[in-house]
Full PDB file with SEQRES, HELIX, SHEET, SSBOND, CRYST1, ORIGX, SCALE, CONECT and MASTER records, all heavy atoms in Angstrom:
SEQRES   1 A   41  SER VAL VAL ALA TYR GLY ALA ASP ASN LEU GLY GLY ARG          
SEQRES   2 A   41  GLU ALA ALA GLY GLY GLU TRP SER VAL GLN LEU VAL GLY          
SEQRES   3 A   41  LEU CYS GLU ALA VAL ARG PRO SER ASP GLY GLU LEU LEU          
SEQRES   4 A   41  LEU PHE                                                      
HELIX    1 AA1 ARG A   13  GLY A   17  5                                   5    
HELIX    2 AA2 ASP A   35  LEU A   40  1                                   6    
SHEET    1 AA1 2 VAL A   2  ASP A   8  0                                        
SHEET    2 AA1 2 SER A  21  LEU A  27 -1                                        
CRYST1    1.000    1.000    1.000  90.00  90.00  90.00 P 1           1          
ORIGX1      1.000000  0.000000  0.000000        0.00000                         
ORIGX2      0.000000  1.000000  0.000000        0.00000                         
ORIGX3      0.000000  0.000000  1.000000        0.00000                         
SCALE1      1.000000  0.000000  0.000000        0.00000                         
SCALE2      0.000000  1.000000  0.000000        0.00000                         
SCALE3      0.000000  0.000000  1.000000        0.00000                         
ATOM      1  N   SER A   1       3.660 -23.596 -13.719  1.00  0.00           N  
ATOM      2  CA  SER A   1       2.376 -23.498 -13.024  1.00  0.00           C  
ATOM      3  C   SER A   1       2.086 -22.060 -12.598  1.00  0.00           C  
ATOM      4  O   SER A   1       3.010 -21.272 -12.468  1.00  0.00           O  
ATOM      5  CB  SER A   1       2.379 -24.360 -11.765  1.00  0.00           C  
ATOM      6  OG  SER A   1       2.517 -25.711 -12.081  1.00  0.00           O  
ATOM      7  N   VAL A   2       0.829 -21.755 -12.367  1.00  0.00           N  
ATOM      8  CA  VAL A   2       0.451 -20.525 -11.740  1.00  0.00           C  
ATOM      9  C   VAL A   2       0.637 -20.697 -10.232  1.00  0.00           C  
ATOM     10  O   VAL A   2       0.171 -21.710  -9.669  1.00  0.00           O  
ATOM     11  CB  VAL A   2      -1.008 -20.126 -12.054  1.00  0.00           C  
ATOM     12  CG1 VAL A   2      -1.421 -18.924 -11.249  1.00  0.00           C  
ATOM     13  CG2 VAL A   2      -1.138 -19.884 -13.533  1.00  0.00           C  
ATOM     14  N   VAL A   3       1.405 -19.820  -9.650  1.00  0.00           N  
ATOM     15  CA  VAL A   3       1.734 -19.912  -8.214  1.00  0.00           C  
ATOM     16  C   VAL A   3       1.323 -18.622  -7.522  1.00  0.00           C  
ATOM     17  O   VAL A   3       1.133 -17.580  -8.170  1.00  0.00           O  
ATOM     18  CB  VAL A   3       3.211 -20.224  -7.932  1.00  0.00           C  
ATOM     19  CG1 VAL A   3       3.641 -21.507  -8.630  1.00  0.00           C  
ATOM     20  CG2 VAL A   3       4.083 -19.040  -8.363  1.00  0.00           C  
ATOM     21  N   ALA A   4       1.214 -18.683  -6.218  1.00  0.00           N  
ATOM     22  CA  ALA A   4       1.048 -17.450  -5.419  1.00  0.00           C  
ATOM     23  C   ALA A   4       2.332 -17.319  -4.564  1.00  0.00           C  
ATOM     24  O   ALA A   4       2.894 -18.341  -4.143  1.00  0.00           O  
ATOM     25  CB  ALA A   4      -0.139 -17.578  -4.482  1.00  0.00           C  
ATOM     26  N   TYR A   5       2.767 -16.102  -4.398  1.00  0.00           N  
ATOM     27  CA  TYR A   5       3.891 -15.827  -3.560  1.00  0.00           C  
ATOM     28  C   TYR A   5       3.502 -14.746  -2.561  1.00  0.00           C  
ATOM     29  O   TYR A   5       2.908 -13.714  -2.944  1.00  0.00           O  
ATOM     30  CB  TYR A   5       5.109 -15.345  -4.363  1.00  0.00           C  
ATOM     31  CG  TYR A   5       6.355 -15.160  -3.523  1.00  0.00           C  
ATOM     32  CD1 TYR A   5       7.122 -16.247  -3.133  1.00  0.00           C  
ATOM     33  CD2 TYR A   5       6.771 -13.911  -3.079  1.00  0.00           C  
ATOM     34  CE1 TYR A   5       8.242 -16.124  -2.352  1.00  0.00           C  
ATOM     35  CE2 TYR A   5       7.853 -13.757  -2.335  1.00  0.00           C  
ATOM     36  CZ  TYR A   5       8.624 -14.853  -1.948  1.00  0.00           C  
ATOM     37  OH  TYR A   5       9.735 -14.695  -1.156  1.00  0.00           O  
ATOM     38  N   GLY A   6       3.791 -14.971  -1.303  1.00  0.00           N  
ATOM     39  CA  GLY A   6       3.442 -14.001  -0.276  1.00  0.00           C  
ATOM     40  C   GLY A   6       4.587 -13.680   0.621  1.00  0.00           C  
ATOM     41  O   GLY A   6       5.434 -14.572   0.902  1.00  0.00           O  
ATOM     42  N   ALA A   7       4.645 -12.481   1.068  1.00  0.00           N  
ATOM     43  CA  ALA A   7       5.597 -12.042   2.078  1.00  0.00           C  
ATOM     44  C   ALA A   7       4.874 -10.983   2.968  1.00  0.00           C  
ATOM     45  O   ALA A   7       3.911 -10.388   2.534  1.00  0.00           O  
ATOM     46  CB  ALA A   7       6.841 -11.425   1.405  1.00  0.00           C  
ATOM     47  N   ASP A   8       5.394 -10.835   4.184  1.00  0.00           N  
ATOM     48  CA  ASP A   8       4.748  -9.878   5.103  1.00  0.00           C  
ATOM     49  C   ASP A   8       5.713  -9.500   6.202  1.00  0.00           C  
ATOM     50  O   ASP A   8       6.837 -10.007   6.302  1.00  0.00           O  
ATOM     51  CB  ASP A   8       3.464 -10.533   5.704  1.00  0.00           C  
ATOM     52  CG  ASP A   8       3.805 -11.844   6.431  1.00  0.00           C  
ATOM     53  OD1 ASP A   8       4.557 -11.807   7.432  1.00  0.00           O  
ATOM     54  OD2 ASP A   8       3.256 -12.891   6.042  1.00  0.00           O  
ATOM     55  N   ASN A   9       5.235  -8.635   7.090  1.00  0.00           N  
ATOM     56  CA  ASN A   9       5.974  -8.301   8.287  1.00  0.00           C  
ATOM     57  C   ASN A   9       5.111  -8.595   9.531  1.00  0.00           C  
ATOM     58  O   ASN A   9       5.351  -7.994  10.572  1.00  0.00           O  
ATOM     59  CB  ASN A   9       6.413  -6.834   8.283  1.00  0.00           C  
ATOM     60  CG  ASN A   9       5.282  -5.844   8.496  1.00  0.00           C  
ATOM     61  OD1 ASN A   9       4.097  -6.186   8.327  1.00  0.00           O  
ATOM     62  ND2 ASN A   9       5.605  -4.619   8.857  1.00  0.00           N  
ATOM     63  N   LEU A  10       4.183  -9.460   9.401  1.00  0.00           N  
ATOM     64  CA  LEU A  10       3.250  -9.749  10.487  1.00  0.00           C  
ATOM     65  C   LEU A  10       3.948 -10.365  11.687  1.00  0.00           C  
ATOM     66  O   LEU A  10       4.723 -11.301  11.517  1.00  0.00           O  
ATOM     67  CB  LEU A  10       2.157 -10.691   9.995  1.00  0.00           C  
ATOM     68  CG  LEU A  10       1.354 -10.193   8.784  1.00  0.00           C  
ATOM     69  CD1 LEU A  10       0.345 -11.270   8.318  1.00  0.00           C  
ATOM     70  CD2 LEU A  10       0.649  -8.894   9.099  1.00  0.00           C  
ATOM     71  N   GLY A  11       3.691  -9.795  12.804  1.00  0.00           N  
ATOM     72  CA  GLY A  11       4.235 -10.329  14.065  1.00  0.00           C  
ATOM     73  C   GLY A  11       5.708  -9.978  14.323  1.00  0.00           C  
ATOM     74  O   GLY A  11       6.276 -10.377  15.289  1.00  0.00           O  
ATOM     75  N   GLY A  12       6.318  -9.227  13.420  1.00  0.00           N  
ATOM     76  CA  GLY A  12       7.744  -8.876  13.631  1.00  0.00           C  
ATOM     77  C   GLY A  12       7.926  -7.560  14.324  1.00  0.00           C  
ATOM     78  O   GLY A  12       7.001  -6.718  14.386  1.00  0.00           O  
ATOM     79  N   ARG A  13       9.105  -7.337  14.813  1.00  0.00           N  
ATOM     80  CA  ARG A  13       9.432  -6.067  15.469  1.00  0.00           C  
ATOM     81  C   ARG A  13       9.250  -4.876  14.491  1.00  0.00           C  
ATOM     82  O   ARG A  13       8.905  -3.785  14.874  1.00  0.00           O  
ATOM     83  CB  ARG A  13      10.809  -6.092  16.033  1.00  0.00           C  
ATOM     84  CG  ARG A  13      10.896  -6.964  17.287  1.00  0.00           C  
ATOM     85  CD  ARG A  13      12.303  -6.936  17.812  1.00  0.00           C  
ATOM     86  NE  ARG A  13      13.093  -7.709  16.834  1.00  0.00           N  
ATOM     87  CZ  ARG A  13      14.397  -7.737  16.769  1.00  0.00           C  
ATOM     88  NH1 ARG A  13      15.105  -7.010  17.591  1.00  0.00           N  
ATOM     89  NH2 ARG A  13      15.030  -8.458  15.882  1.00  0.00           N  
ATOM     90  N   GLU A  14       9.572  -5.135  13.245  1.00  0.00           N  
ATOM     91  CA  GLU A  14       9.499  -4.065  12.228  1.00  0.00           C  
ATOM     92  C   GLU A  14       8.053  -3.626  11.957  1.00  0.00           C  
ATOM     93  O   GLU A  14       7.855  -2.704  11.176  1.00  0.00           O  
ATOM     94  CB  GLU A  14      10.204  -4.501  10.950  1.00  0.00           C  
ATOM     95  CG  GLU A  14       9.527  -5.648  10.204  1.00  0.00           C  
ATOM     96  CD  GLU A  14       9.894  -7.071  10.669  1.00  0.00           C  
ATOM     97  OE1 GLU A  14      10.520  -7.202  11.698  1.00  0.00           O  
ATOM     98  OE2 GLU A  14       9.536  -8.010   9.968  1.00  0.00           O  
ATOM     99  N   ALA A  15       7.068  -4.289  12.526  1.00  0.00           N  
ATOM    100  CA  ALA A  15       5.665  -3.965  12.259  1.00  0.00           C  
ATOM    101  C   ALA A  15       5.182  -2.777  13.106  1.00  0.00           C  
ATOM    102  O   ALA A  15       4.016  -2.454  13.088  1.00  0.00           O  
ATOM    103  CB  ALA A  15       4.802  -5.181  12.489  1.00  0.00           C  
ATOM    104  N   ALA A  16       6.082  -2.136  13.878  1.00  0.00           N  
ATOM    105  CA  ALA A  16       5.647  -1.058  14.750  1.00  0.00           C  
ATOM    106  C   ALA A  16       4.921   0.068  14.004  1.00  0.00           C  
ATOM    107  O   ALA A  16       4.015   0.699  14.559  1.00  0.00           O  
ATOM    108  CB  ALA A  16       6.862  -0.441  15.504  1.00  0.00           C  
ATOM    109  N   GLY A  17       5.247   0.324  12.758  1.00  0.00           N  
ATOM    110  CA  GLY A  17       4.600   1.356  11.983  1.00  0.00           C  
ATOM    111  C   GLY A  17       3.370   0.849  11.240  1.00  0.00           C  
ATOM    112  O   GLY A  17       2.770   1.598  10.476  1.00  0.00           O  
ATOM    113  N   GLY A  18       3.026  -0.371  11.402  1.00  0.00           N  
ATOM    114  CA  GLY A  18       1.877  -0.946  10.728  1.00  0.00           C  
ATOM    115  C   GLY A  18       2.287  -2.291  10.080  1.00  0.00           C  
ATOM    116  O   GLY A  18       3.412  -2.485   9.702  1.00  0.00           O  
ATOM    117  N   GLU A  19       1.317  -3.155  10.013  1.00  0.00           N  
ATOM    118  CA  GLU A  19       1.573  -4.476   9.431  1.00  0.00           C  
ATOM    119  C   GLU A  19       1.145  -4.467   7.974  1.00  0.00           C  
ATOM    120  O   GLU A  19       0.258  -3.725   7.588  1.00  0.00           O  
ATOM    121  CB  GLU A  19       0.838  -5.549  10.205  1.00  0.00           C  
ATOM    122  CG  GLU A  19       1.305  -5.690  11.644  1.00  0.00           C  
ATOM    123  CD  GLU A  19       0.519  -6.697  12.427  1.00  0.00           C  
ATOM    124  OE1 GLU A  19      -0.733  -6.778  12.212  1.00  0.00           O  
ATOM    125  OE2 GLU A  19       1.105  -7.364  13.276  1.00  0.00           O  
ATOM    126  N   TRP A  20       1.804  -5.280   7.164  1.00  0.00           N  
ATOM    127  CA  TRP A  20       1.466  -5.418   5.766  1.00  0.00           C  
ATOM    128  C   TRP A  20       1.631  -6.839   5.314  1.00  0.00           C  
ATOM    129  O   TRP A  20       2.419  -7.611   5.870  1.00  0.00           O  
ATOM    130  CB  TRP A  20       2.272  -4.463   4.903  1.00  0.00           C  
ATOM    131  CG  TRP A  20       3.776  -4.642   5.009  1.00  0.00           C  
ATOM    132  CD1 TRP A  20       4.640  -3.968   5.846  1.00  0.00           C  
ATOM    133  CD2 TRP A  20       4.552  -5.586   4.266  1.00  0.00           C  
ATOM    134  NE1 TRP A  20       5.899  -4.435   5.668  1.00  0.00           N  
ATOM    135  CE2 TRP A  20       5.890  -5.411   4.689  1.00  0.00           C  
ATOM    136  CE3 TRP A  20       4.283  -6.536   3.298  1.00  0.00           C  
ATOM    137  CZ2 TRP A  20       6.954  -6.185   4.177  1.00  0.00           C  
ATOM    138  CZ3 TRP A  20       5.330  -7.296   2.778  1.00  0.00           C  
ATOM    139  CH2 TRP A  20       6.646  -7.109   3.220  1.00  0.00           C  
ATOM    140  N   SER A  21       0.968  -7.177   4.242  1.00  0.00           N  
ATOM    141  CA  SER A  21       1.184  -8.414   3.528  1.00  0.00           C  
ATOM    142  C   SER A  21       1.013  -8.185   2.054  1.00  0.00           C  
ATOM    143  O   SER A  21       0.163  -7.347   1.645  1.00  0.00           O  
ATOM    144  CB  SER A  21       0.258  -9.567   4.037  1.00  0.00           C  
ATOM    145  OG  SER A  21      -1.087  -9.270   3.694  1.00  0.00           O  
ATOM    146  N   VAL A  22       1.779  -8.886   1.277  1.00  0.00           N  
ATOM    147  CA  VAL A  22       1.740  -8.773  -0.201  1.00  0.00           C  
ATOM    148  C   VAL A  22       1.584 -10.163  -0.776  1.00  0.00           C  
ATOM    149  O   VAL A  22       2.226 -11.098  -0.313  1.00  0.00           O  
ATOM    150  CB  VAL A  22       3.028  -8.153  -0.730  1.00  0.00           C  
ATOM    151  CG1 VAL A  22       3.092  -8.201  -2.251  1.00  0.00           C  
ATOM    152  CG2 VAL A  22       3.197  -6.702  -0.268  1.00  0.00           C  
ATOM    153  N   GLN A  23       0.721 -10.272  -1.737  1.00  0.00           N  
ATOM    154  CA  GLN A  23       0.589 -11.555  -2.455  1.00  0.00           C  
ATOM    155  C   GLN A  23       0.621 -11.228  -3.951  1.00  0.00           C  
ATOM    156  O   GLN A  23      -0.048 -10.363  -4.450  1.00  0.00           O  
ATOM    157  CB  GLN A  23      -0.734 -12.244  -2.133  1.00  0.00           C  
ATOM    158  CG  GLN A  23      -0.929 -13.524  -2.927  1.00  0.00           C  
ATOM    159  CD  GLN A  23      -2.217 -14.231  -2.566  1.00  0.00           C  
ATOM    160  OE1 GLN A  23      -2.365 -14.653  -1.450  1.00  0.00           O  
ATOM    161  NE2 GLN A  23      -3.094 -14.352  -3.554  1.00  0.00           N  
ATOM    162  N   LEU A  24       1.441 -12.002  -4.667  1.00  0.00           N  
ATOM    163  CA  LEU A  24       1.511 -11.952  -6.140  1.00  0.00           C  
ATOM    164  C   LEU A  24       1.089 -13.274  -6.672  1.00  0.00           C  
ATOM    165  O   LEU A  24       1.429 -14.321  -6.107  1.00  0.00           O  
ATOM    166  CB  LEU A  24       2.946 -11.691  -6.577  1.00  0.00           C  
ATOM    167  CG  LEU A  24       3.633 -10.407  -6.110  1.00  0.00           C  
ATOM    168  CD1 LEU A  24       4.488 -10.689  -4.920  1.00  0.00           C  
ATOM    169  CD2 LEU A  24       4.479  -9.903  -7.239  1.00  0.00           C  
ATOM    170  N   VAL A  25       0.395 -13.270  -7.791  1.00  0.00           N  
ATOM    171  CA  VAL A  25      -0.046 -14.513  -8.467  1.00  0.00           C  
ATOM    172  C   VAL A  25       0.398 -14.393  -9.906  1.00  0.00           C  
ATOM    173  O   VAL A  25       0.160 -13.395 -10.571  1.00  0.00           O  
ATOM    174  CB  VAL A  25      -1.560 -14.712  -8.346  1.00  0.00           C  
ATOM    175  CG1 VAL A  25      -1.981 -15.969  -9.133  1.00  0.00           C  
ATOM    176  CG2 VAL A  25      -1.976 -14.832  -6.879  1.00  0.00           C  
ATOM    177  N   GLY A  26       1.025 -15.422 -10.389  1.00  0.00           N  
ATOM    178  CA  GLY A  26       1.422 -15.436 -11.776  1.00  0.00           C  
ATOM    179  C   GLY A  26       2.103 -16.697 -12.184  1.00  0.00           C  
ATOM    180  O   GLY A  26       2.287 -17.643 -11.376  1.00  0.00           O  
ATOM    181  N   LEU A  27       2.467 -16.775 -13.453  1.00  0.00           N  
ATOM    182  CA  LEU A  27       3.118 -17.960 -14.016  1.00  0.00           C  
ATOM    183  C   LEU A  27       4.567 -18.012 -13.545  1.00  0.00           C  
ATOM    184  O   LEU A  27       5.253 -16.989 -13.584  1.00  0.00           O  
ATOM    185  CB  LEU A  27       3.053 -17.905 -15.552  1.00  0.00           C  
ATOM    186  CG  LEU A  27       3.599 -19.148 -16.271  1.00  0.00           C  
ATOM    187  CD1 LEU A  27       2.802 -20.381 -15.893  1.00  0.00           C  
ATOM    188  CD2 LEU A  27       3.549 -18.938 -17.748  1.00  0.00           C  
ATOM    189  N   CYS A  28       5.000 -19.173 -13.173  1.00  0.00           N  
ATOM    190  CA  CYS A  28       6.386 -19.375 -12.659  1.00  0.00           C  
ATOM    191  C   CYS A  28       7.203 -20.144 -13.698  1.00  0.00           C  
ATOM    192  O   CYS A  28       6.695 -21.082 -14.304  1.00  0.00           O  
ATOM    193  CB  CYS A  28       6.299 -20.167 -11.346  1.00  0.00           C  
ATOM    194  SG  CYS A  28       7.876 -20.413 -10.549  1.00  0.00           S  
ATOM    195  N   GLU A  29       8.422 -19.688 -13.887  1.00  0.00           N  
ATOM    196  CA  GLU A  29       9.303 -20.391 -14.802  1.00  0.00           C  
ATOM    197  C   GLU A  29      10.721 -20.438 -14.257  1.00  0.00           C  
ATOM    198  O   GLU A  29      11.116 -19.564 -13.447  1.00  0.00           O  
ATOM    199  CB  GLU A  29       9.312 -19.696 -16.175  1.00  0.00           C  
ATOM    200  CG  GLU A  29       9.795 -18.266 -16.169  1.00  0.00           C  
ATOM    201  CD  GLU A  29       9.683 -17.577 -17.504  1.00  0.00           C  
ATOM    202  OE1 GLU A  29       9.672 -18.251 -18.523  1.00  0.00           O  
ATOM    203  OE2 GLU A  29       9.585 -16.340 -17.478  1.00  0.00           O  
ATOM    204  N   ALA A  30      11.466 -21.465 -14.626  1.00  0.00           N  
ATOM    205  CA  ALA A  30      12.838 -21.559 -14.238  1.00  0.00           C  
ATOM    206  C   ALA A  30      13.665 -20.549 -15.016  1.00  0.00           C  
ATOM    207  O   ALA A  30      13.387 -20.282 -16.201  1.00  0.00           O  
ATOM    208  CB  ALA A  30      13.376 -22.955 -14.488  1.00  0.00           C  
ATOM    209  N   VAL A  31      14.663 -19.949 -14.381  1.00  0.00           N  
ATOM    210  CA  VAL A  31      15.507 -18.942 -15.054  1.00  0.00           C  
ATOM    211  C   VAL A  31      16.961 -19.154 -14.609  1.00  0.00           C  
ATOM    212  O   VAL A  31      17.252 -19.770 -13.625  1.00  0.00           O  
ATOM    213  CB  VAL A  31      15.066 -17.514 -14.689  1.00  0.00           C  
ATOM    214  CG1 VAL A  31      13.719 -17.185 -15.267  1.00  0.00           C  
ATOM    215  CG2 VAL A  31      15.147 -17.235 -13.236  1.00  0.00           C  
ATOM    216  N   ARG A  32      17.821 -18.574 -15.425  1.00  0.00           N  
ATOM    217  CA  ARG A  32      19.209 -18.472 -15.060  1.00  0.00           C  
ATOM    218  C   ARG A  32      19.457 -16.990 -14.797  1.00  0.00           C  
ATOM    219  O   ARG A  32      19.457 -16.170 -15.733  1.00  0.00           O  
ATOM    220  CB  ARG A  32      20.091 -18.980 -16.211  1.00  0.00           C  
ATOM    221  CG  ARG A  32      21.522 -18.944 -15.896  1.00  0.00           C  
ATOM    222  CD  ARG A  32      22.393 -19.350 -17.074  1.00  0.00           C  
ATOM    223  NE  ARG A  32      23.767 -19.324 -16.686  1.00  0.00           N  
ATOM    224  CZ  ARG A  32      24.585 -20.383 -16.760  1.00  0.00           C  
ATOM    225  NH1 ARG A  32      24.159 -21.509 -17.264  1.00  0.00           N  
ATOM    226  NH2 ARG A  32      25.817 -20.255 -16.374  1.00  0.00           N  
ATOM    227  N   PRO A  33      19.705 -16.606 -13.550  1.00  0.00           N  
ATOM    228  CA  PRO A  33      19.871 -15.195 -13.227  1.00  0.00           C  
ATOM    229  C   PRO A  33      21.182 -14.657 -13.804  1.00  0.00           C  
ATOM    230  O   PRO A  33      22.119 -15.380 -13.991  1.00  0.00           O  
ATOM    231  CB  PRO A  33      19.896 -15.157 -11.716  1.00  0.00           C  
ATOM    232  CG  PRO A  33      19.838 -16.516 -11.229  1.00  0.00           C  
ATOM    233  CD  PRO A  33      19.745 -17.449 -12.377  1.00  0.00           C  
ATOM    234  N   SER A  34      21.170 -13.352 -14.076  1.00  0.00           N  
ATOM    235  CA  SER A  34      22.334 -12.681 -14.506  1.00  0.00           C  
ATOM    236  C   SER A  34      23.355 -12.549 -13.336  1.00  0.00           C  
ATOM    237  O   SER A  34      22.981 -12.768 -12.178  1.00  0.00           O  
ATOM    238  CB  SER A  34      22.038 -11.264 -15.059  1.00  0.00           C  
ATOM    239  OG  SER A  34      21.632 -10.438 -13.949  1.00  0.00           O  
ATOM    240  N   ASP A  35      24.575 -12.210 -13.623  1.00  0.00           N  
ATOM    241  CA  ASP A  35      25.568 -12.005 -12.561  1.00  0.00           C  
ATOM    242  C   ASP A  35      25.119 -10.924 -11.596  1.00  0.00           C  
ATOM    243  O   ASP A  35      25.284 -11.074 -10.380  1.00  0.00           O  
ATOM    244  CB  ASP A  35      26.928 -11.641 -13.139  1.00  0.00           C  
ATOM    245  CG  ASP A  35      27.586 -12.797 -13.884  1.00  0.00           C  
ATOM    246  OD1 ASP A  35      27.154 -13.965 -13.652  1.00  0.00           O  
ATOM    247  OD2 ASP A  35      28.508 -12.567 -14.696  1.00  0.00           O  
ATOM    248  N   GLY A  36      24.508  -9.858 -12.087  1.00  0.00           N  
ATOM    249  CA  GLY A  36      23.993  -8.785 -11.263  1.00  0.00           C  
ATOM    250  C   GLY A  36      22.869  -9.274 -10.343  1.00  0.00           C  
ATOM    251  O   GLY A  36      22.801  -8.849  -9.189  1.00  0.00           O  
ATOM    252  N   GLU A  37      22.001 -10.086 -10.896  1.00  0.00           N  
ATOM    253  CA  GLU A  37      20.902 -10.629 -10.073  1.00  0.00           C  
ATOM    254  C   GLU A  37      21.428 -11.548  -8.962  1.00  0.00           C  
ATOM    255  O   GLU A  37      20.982 -11.525  -7.825  1.00  0.00           O  
ATOM    256  CB  GLU A  37      19.899 -11.363 -10.968  1.00  0.00           C  
ATOM    257  CG  GLU A  37      19.115 -10.390 -11.834  1.00  0.00           C  
ATOM    258  CD  GLU A  37      18.394 -11.032 -12.988  1.00  0.00           C  
ATOM    259  OE1 GLU A  37      18.640 -12.222 -13.306  1.00  0.00           O  
ATOM    260  OE2 GLU A  37      17.486 -10.366 -13.575  1.00  0.00           O  
ATOM    261  N   LEU A  38      22.455 -12.373  -9.313  1.00  0.00           N  
ATOM    262  CA  LEU A  38      23.054 -13.236  -8.308  1.00  0.00           C  
ATOM    263  C   LEU A  38      23.659 -12.402  -7.173  1.00  0.00           C  
ATOM    264  O   LEU A  38      23.539 -12.770  -6.002  1.00  0.00           O  
ATOM    265  CB  LEU A  38      24.119 -14.132  -8.939  1.00  0.00           C  
ATOM    266  CG  LEU A  38      23.556 -15.240  -9.840  1.00  0.00           C  
ATOM    267  CD1 LEU A  38      24.719 -15.951 -10.566  1.00  0.00           C  
ATOM    268  CD2 LEU A  38      22.762 -16.226  -9.039  1.00  0.00           C  
ATOM    269  N   LEU A  39      24.253 -11.256  -7.512  1.00  0.00           N  
ATOM    270  CA  LEU A  39      24.788 -10.390  -6.484  1.00  0.00           C  
ATOM    271  C   LEU A  39      23.699  -9.851  -5.564  1.00  0.00           C  
ATOM    272  O   LEU A  39      23.869  -9.740  -4.345  1.00  0.00           O  
ATOM    273  CB  LEU A  39      25.554  -9.231  -7.075  1.00  0.00           C  
ATOM    274  CG  LEU A  39      26.931  -9.540  -7.676  1.00  0.00           C  
ATOM    275  CD1 LEU A  39      27.488  -8.335  -8.377  1.00  0.00           C  
ATOM    276  CD2 LEU A  39      27.885 -10.014  -6.558  1.00  0.00           C  
ATOM    277  N   LEU A  40      22.520  -9.564  -6.145  1.00  0.00           N  
ATOM    278  CA  LEU A  40      21.415  -9.076  -5.353  1.00  0.00           C  
ATOM    279  C   LEU A  40      20.907 -10.132  -4.369  1.00  0.00           C  
ATOM    280  O   LEU A  40      20.473  -9.818  -3.265  1.00  0.00           O  
ATOM    281  CB  LEU A  40      20.250  -8.606  -6.272  1.00  0.00           C  
ATOM    282  CG  LEU A  40      20.469  -7.353  -7.048  1.00  0.00           C  
ATOM    283  CD1 LEU A  40      19.317  -7.097  -8.007  1.00  0.00           C  
ATOM    284  CD2 LEU A  40      20.664  -6.175  -6.140  1.00  0.00           C  
ATOM    285  N   PHE A  41      20.977 -11.385  -4.766  1.00  0.00           N  
ATOM    286  CA  PHE A  41      20.553 -12.453  -3.899  1.00  0.00           C  
ATOM    287  C   PHE A  41      21.511 -12.586  -2.698  1.00  0.00           C  
ATOM    288  O   PHE A  41      21.090 -12.981  -1.629  1.00  0.00           O  
ATOM    289  CB  PHE A  41      20.515 -13.822  -4.622  1.00  0.00           C  
ATOM    290  CG  PHE A  41      19.218 -14.083  -5.276  1.00  0.00           C  
ATOM    291  CD1 PHE A  41      19.107 -14.141  -6.686  1.00  0.00           C  
ATOM    292  CD2 PHE A  41      18.059 -14.343  -4.556  1.00  0.00           C  
ATOM    293  CE1 PHE A  41      17.935 -14.430  -7.326  1.00  0.00           C  
ATOM    294  CE2 PHE A  41      16.876 -14.651  -5.201  1.00  0.00           C  
ATOM    295  CZ  PHE A  41      16.801 -14.674  -6.567  1.00  0.00           C  
TER     296      PHE A  41                                                      
MASTER        0    0    0    2    2    0    0    6  295    1    0    4          
END                                                                             
């Protein structure tokens, strides 16, 4: 499906330098991450 994903720093202590929000929209698919990607998680 086409999904939207959003993240932000709204209302957090880290927002002292300004607040932001990001939204991405795109096709979502199941994946098997590489070992390196699993380490990043």
